[in-house]
Amino acid sequence: MKKAIALRFLPDSDLAPRLVAKGEGILAEQILKIAERKDVHIIQDKSLAESLSRLGLGVEIPDNLYKAVSVVFRYIWEQEKKDKGE
């Protein structure tokens, strides 16, 4: 079954990325549609999504997932720079 996870990181207020949405099946599809409408970069990583789906909403990611999530955020920031022509 398809899963979708949404993370948020606000450097001025968050100590670590937080899980802000998660879902399976139809709910996952809705999360992805919202992300596409808002031009949010979508990354596919089934094992990371599986690990993150075990967290509660609003929870900061645990230490053991920092490295995997940092790779995702680094990729997104690089893509955003390219999109802006930097």
N, C-alpha and C. Protein backbone atom coordinates (compact mmCIF):
# COMPACT_ATOMS: atom_id res chain seq x y z
N MET A 1 0.84 -1.18 0.00
CA MET A 1 0.00 0.00 0.00
C MET A 1 0.89 1.25 0.00
N LYS A 2 0.50 2.23 -0.79
CA LYS A 2 1.26 3.48 -0.90
C LYS A 2 1.19 4.25 0.42
N LYS A 3 2.35 4.82 0.81
CA LYS A 3 2.42 5.66 2.01
C LYS A 3 2.96 7.02 1.61
N ALA A 4 2.52 8.05 2.33
CA ALA A 4 3.06 9.39 2.14
C ALA A 4 3.33 9.99 3.51
N ILE A 5 4.43 10.70 3.58
CA ILE A 5 4.88 11.35 4.81
C ILE A 5 5.22 12.79 4.45
N ALA A 6 4.86 13.73 5.31
CA ALA A 6 5.25 15.13 5.11
C ALA A 6 6.01 15.59 6.34
N LEU A 7 7.17 16.19 6.08
CA LEU A 7 7.99 16.72 7.15
C LEU A 7 8.08 18.23 7.02
N ARG A 8 8.30 18.88 8.15
CA ARG A 8 8.50 20.33 8.17
C ARG A 8 9.72 20.61 9.03
N PHE A 9 10.51 21.58 8.58
CA PHE A 9 11.63 22.05 9.41
C PHE A 9 11.71 23.55 9.28
N LEU A 10 11.48 24.23 10.40
CA LEU A 10 11.60 25.68 10.47
C LEU A 10 12.80 25.99 11.36
N PRO A 11 13.94 26.37 10.75
CA PRO A 11 15.17 26.54 11.53
C PRO A 11 15.04 27.51 12.71
N ASP A 12 14.17 28.50 12.59
CA ASP A 12 14.04 29.48 13.68
C ASP A 12 13.23 28.96 14.87
N SER A 13 12.46 27.89 14.67
CA SER A 13 11.62 27.41 15.77
C SER A 13 11.72 25.91 16.04
N ASP A 14 12.18 25.13 15.09
CA ASP A 14 12.27 23.68 15.28
C ASP A 14 13.71 23.26 15.58
N LEU A 15 13.86 22.34 16.52
CA LEU A 15 15.18 21.77 16.78
C LEU A 15 15.50 20.66 15.79
N ALA A 16 14.48 20.04 15.26
CA ALA A 16 14.63 18.95 14.29
C ALA A 16 13.38 18.94 13.41
N PRO A 17 13.46 18.29 12.24
CA PRO A 17 12.26 18.17 11.41
C PRO A 17 11.14 17.47 12.17
N ARG A 18 9.92 17.85 11.84
CA ARG A 18 8.73 17.27 12.48
C ARG A 18 7.85 16.60 11.43
N LEU A 19 7.18 15.55 11.86
CA LEU A 19 6.19 14.87 11.03
C LEU A 19 4.90 15.68 11.08
N VAL A 20 4.46 16.19 9.94
CA VAL A 20 3.25 17.03 9.93
C VAL A 20 2.08 16.37 9.21
N ALA A 21 2.33 15.31 8.47
CA ALA A 21 1.23 14.56 7.83
C ALA A 21 1.73 13.16 7.49
N LYS A 22 0.80 12.22 7.54
CA LYS A 22 1.13 10.86 7.12
C LYS A 22 -0.16 10.16 6.73
N GLY A 23 -0.04 9.22 5.82
CA GLY A 23 -1.22 8.48 5.41
C GLY A 23 -0.88 7.32 4.50
N GLU A 24 -1.84 6.43 4.36
CA GLU A 24 -1.73 5.27 3.48
C GLU A 24 -2.89 5.27 2.51
N GLY A 25 -2.67 4.65 1.36
CA GLY A 25 -3.76 4.49 0.39
C GLY A 25 -4.30 5.81 -0.11
N ILE A 26 -5.62 5.99 0.02
CA ILE A 26 -6.28 7.21 -0.48
C ILE A 26 -5.75 8.45 0.21
N LEU A 27 -5.51 8.36 1.51
CA LEU A 27 -4.97 9.51 2.25
C LEU A 27 -3.57 9.87 1.73
N ALA A 28 -2.77 8.87 1.42
CA ALA A 28 -1.44 9.12 0.85
C ALA A 28 -1.57 9.86 -0.48
N GLU A 29 -2.52 9.43 -1.29
CA GLU A 29 -2.74 10.10 -2.59
C GLU A 29 -3.13 11.56 -2.39
N GLN A 30 -3.96 11.82 -1.39
CA GLN A 30 -4.39 13.20 -1.11
C GLN A 30 -3.21 14.05 -0.65
N ILE A 31 -2.36 13.50 0.19
CA ILE A 31 -1.16 14.21 0.65
C ILE A 31 -0.27 14.56 -0.54
N LEU A 32 -0.08 13.60 -1.44
CA LEU A 32 0.75 13.84 -2.62
C LEU A 32 0.14 14.89 -3.55
N LYS A 33 -1.17 14.87 -3.73
CA LYS A 33 -1.83 15.87 -4.56
C LYS A 33 -1.66 17.27 -3.98
N ILE A 34 -1.79 17.40 -2.68
CA ILE A 34 -1.61 18.70 -2.03
C ILE A 34 -0.16 19.16 -2.21
N ALA A 35 0.78 18.26 -2.04
CA ALA A 35 2.19 18.60 -2.22
C ALA A 35 2.46 19.08 -3.64
N GLU A 36 1.90 18.39 -4.62
CA GLU A 36 2.08 18.79 -6.02
C GLU A 36 1.48 20.16 -6.29
N ARG A 37 0.27 20.41 -5.76
CA ARG A 37 -0.38 21.72 -5.95
C ARG A 37 0.43 22.85 -5.34
N LYS A 38 1.12 22.57 -4.26
CA LYS A 38 1.89 23.59 -3.55
C LYS A 38 3.36 23.61 -3.99
N ASP A 39 3.68 22.86 -5.06
CA ASP A 39 5.05 22.79 -5.58
C ASP A 39 6.06 22.32 -4.53
N VAL A 40 5.65 21.38 -3.71
CA VAL A 40 6.55 20.78 -2.72
C VAL A 40 7.30 19.64 -3.40
N HIS A 41 8.61 19.60 -3.20
CA HIS A 41 9.39 18.50 -3.78
C HIS A 41 8.97 17.18 -3.15
N ILE A 42 8.83 16.16 -3.98
CA ILE A 42 8.42 14.84 -3.52
C ILE A 42 9.59 13.88 -3.73
N ILE A 43 9.96 13.21 -2.66
CA ILE A 43 11.06 12.25 -2.68
C ILE A 43 10.47 10.88 -2.38
N GLN A 44 10.90 9.86 -3.13
CA GLN A 44 10.42 8.50 -2.86
C GLN A 44 11.51 7.71 -2.16
N ASP A 45 11.22 7.29 -0.95
CA ASP A 45 12.13 6.45 -0.16
C ASP A 45 11.25 5.58 0.74
N LYS A 46 10.96 4.38 0.26
CA LYS A 46 10.01 3.51 0.95
C LYS A 46 10.45 3.15 2.37
N SER A 47 11.73 2.85 2.55
CA SER A 47 12.17 2.44 3.89
C SER A 47 12.13 3.61 4.87
N LEU A 48 12.48 4.81 4.41
CA LEU A 48 12.39 5.98 5.28
C LEU A 48 10.94 6.30 5.60
N ALA A 49 10.07 6.22 4.60
CA ALA A 49 8.65 6.46 4.83
C ALA A 49 8.09 5.46 5.85
N GLU A 50 8.51 4.23 5.74
CA GLU A 50 8.05 3.20 6.69
C GLU A 50 8.48 3.55 8.11
N SER A 51 9.73 3.95 8.27
CA SER A 51 10.23 4.32 9.60
C SER A 51 9.51 5.55 10.15
N LEU A 52 9.33 6.57 9.30
CA LEU A 52 8.69 7.80 9.74
C LEU A 52 7.20 7.61 10.03
N SER A 53 6.58 6.65 9.35
CA SER A 53 5.14 6.43 9.54
C SER A 53 4.81 5.91 10.93
N ARG A 54 5.81 5.43 11.64
CA ARG A 54 5.60 4.93 13.00
C ARG A 54 5.53 6.06 14.03
N LEU A 55 5.92 7.27 13.62
CA LEU A 55 5.92 8.42 14.54
C LEU A 55 4.53 9.03 14.63
N GLY A 56 4.28 9.72 15.71
CA GLY A 56 3.04 10.46 15.86
C GLY A 56 3.13 11.81 15.16
N LEU A 57 2.00 12.37 14.80
CA LEU A 57 1.98 13.68 14.15
C LEU A 57 2.52 14.74 15.10
N GLY A 58 3.31 15.66 14.53
CA GLY A 58 3.88 16.74 15.31
C GLY A 58 5.16 16.39 16.04
N VAL A 59 5.56 15.13 15.96
CA VAL A 59 6.74 14.65 16.68
C VAL A 59 8.00 14.96 15.88
N GLU A 60 9.05 15.41 16.60
CA GLU A 60 10.35 15.58 15.95
C GLU A 60 10.92 14.21 15.61
N ILE A 61 11.66 14.16 14.50
CA ILE A 61 12.24 12.88 14.12
C ILE A 61 13.26 12.45 15.17
N PRO A 62 13.38 11.16 15.42
CA PRO A 62 14.35 10.68 16.42
C PRO A 62 15.78 10.74 15.87
N ASP A 63 16.72 10.74 16.79
CA ASP A 63 18.15 10.83 16.44
C ASP A 63 18.57 9.80 15.39
N ASN A 64 18.04 8.60 15.49
CA ASN A 64 18.48 7.54 14.58
C ASN A 64 18.06 7.77 13.13
N LEU A 65 17.17 8.74 12.88
CA LEU A 65 16.74 9.04 11.51
C LEU A 65 17.32 10.35 10.99
N TYR A 66 18.13 11.05 11.81
CA TYR A 66 18.69 12.34 11.39
C TYR A 66 19.45 12.24 10.07
N LYS A 67 20.31 11.25 9.97
CA LYS A 67 21.16 11.16 8.77
C LYS A 67 20.31 10.96 7.52
N ALA A 68 19.38 10.03 7.56
CA ALA A 68 18.54 9.75 6.39
C ALA A 68 17.70 10.97 6.01
N VAL A 69 17.14 11.65 7.01
CA VAL A 69 16.31 12.82 6.74
C VAL A 69 17.17 13.98 6.25
N SER A 70 18.39 14.11 6.77
CA SER A 70 19.26 15.20 6.32
C SER A 70 19.63 15.04 4.85
N VAL A 71 19.77 13.82 4.39
CA VAL A 71 20.04 13.58 2.97
C VAL A 71 18.87 14.07 2.13
N VAL A 72 17.67 13.81 2.58
CA VAL A 72 16.46 14.26 1.86
C VAL A 72 16.39 15.78 1.84
N PHE A 73 16.59 16.41 3.00
CA PHE A 73 16.52 17.87 3.05
C PHE A 73 17.63 18.52 2.22
N ARG A 74 18.83 17.95 2.24
CA ARG A 74 19.93 18.48 1.43
C ARG A 74 19.55 18.43 -0.05
N TYR A 75 19.00 17.31 -0.49
CA TYR A 75 18.58 17.18 -1.88
C TYR A 75 17.52 18.23 -2.23
N ILE A 76 16.55 18.42 -1.36
CA ILE A 76 15.48 19.39 -1.61
C ILE A 76 16.06 20.80 -1.69
N TRP A 77 16.93 21.17 -0.75
CA TRP A 77 17.53 22.51 -0.77
C TRP A 77 18.33 22.73 -2.04
N GLU A 78 19.05 21.70 -2.50
CA GLU A 78 19.82 21.82 -3.75
C GLU A 78 18.87 22.01 -4.94
N GLN A 79 17.77 21.28 -4.95
CA GLN A 79 16.79 21.42 -6.03
C GLN A 79 16.16 22.82 -6.02
N GLU A 80 15.87 23.34 -4.83
CA GLU A 80 15.28 24.68 -4.73
C GLU A 80 16.26 25.73 -5.23
N LYS A 81 17.55 25.56 -4.94
CA LYS A 81 18.56 26.49 -5.45
C LYS A 81 18.59 26.46 -6.98
N LYS A 82 18.55 25.24 -7.54
CA LYS A 82 18.54 25.11 -9.00
C LYS A 82 17.30 25.76 -9.59
N ASP A 83 16.16 25.55 -8.94
CA ASP A 83 14.91 26.12 -9.42
C ASP A 83 14.97 27.65 -9.44
N LYS A 84 15.70 28.23 -8.48
CA LYS A 84 15.84 29.68 -8.40
C LYS A 84 16.98 30.21 -9.26
N GLY A 85 17.75 29.29 -9.86
CA GLY A 85 18.86 29.69 -10.71
C GLY A 85 20.11 30.11 -9.94
N GLU A 86 20.25 29.65 -8.72
CA GLU A 86 21.43 30.00 -7.91
C GLU A 86 22.58 29.07 -8.19
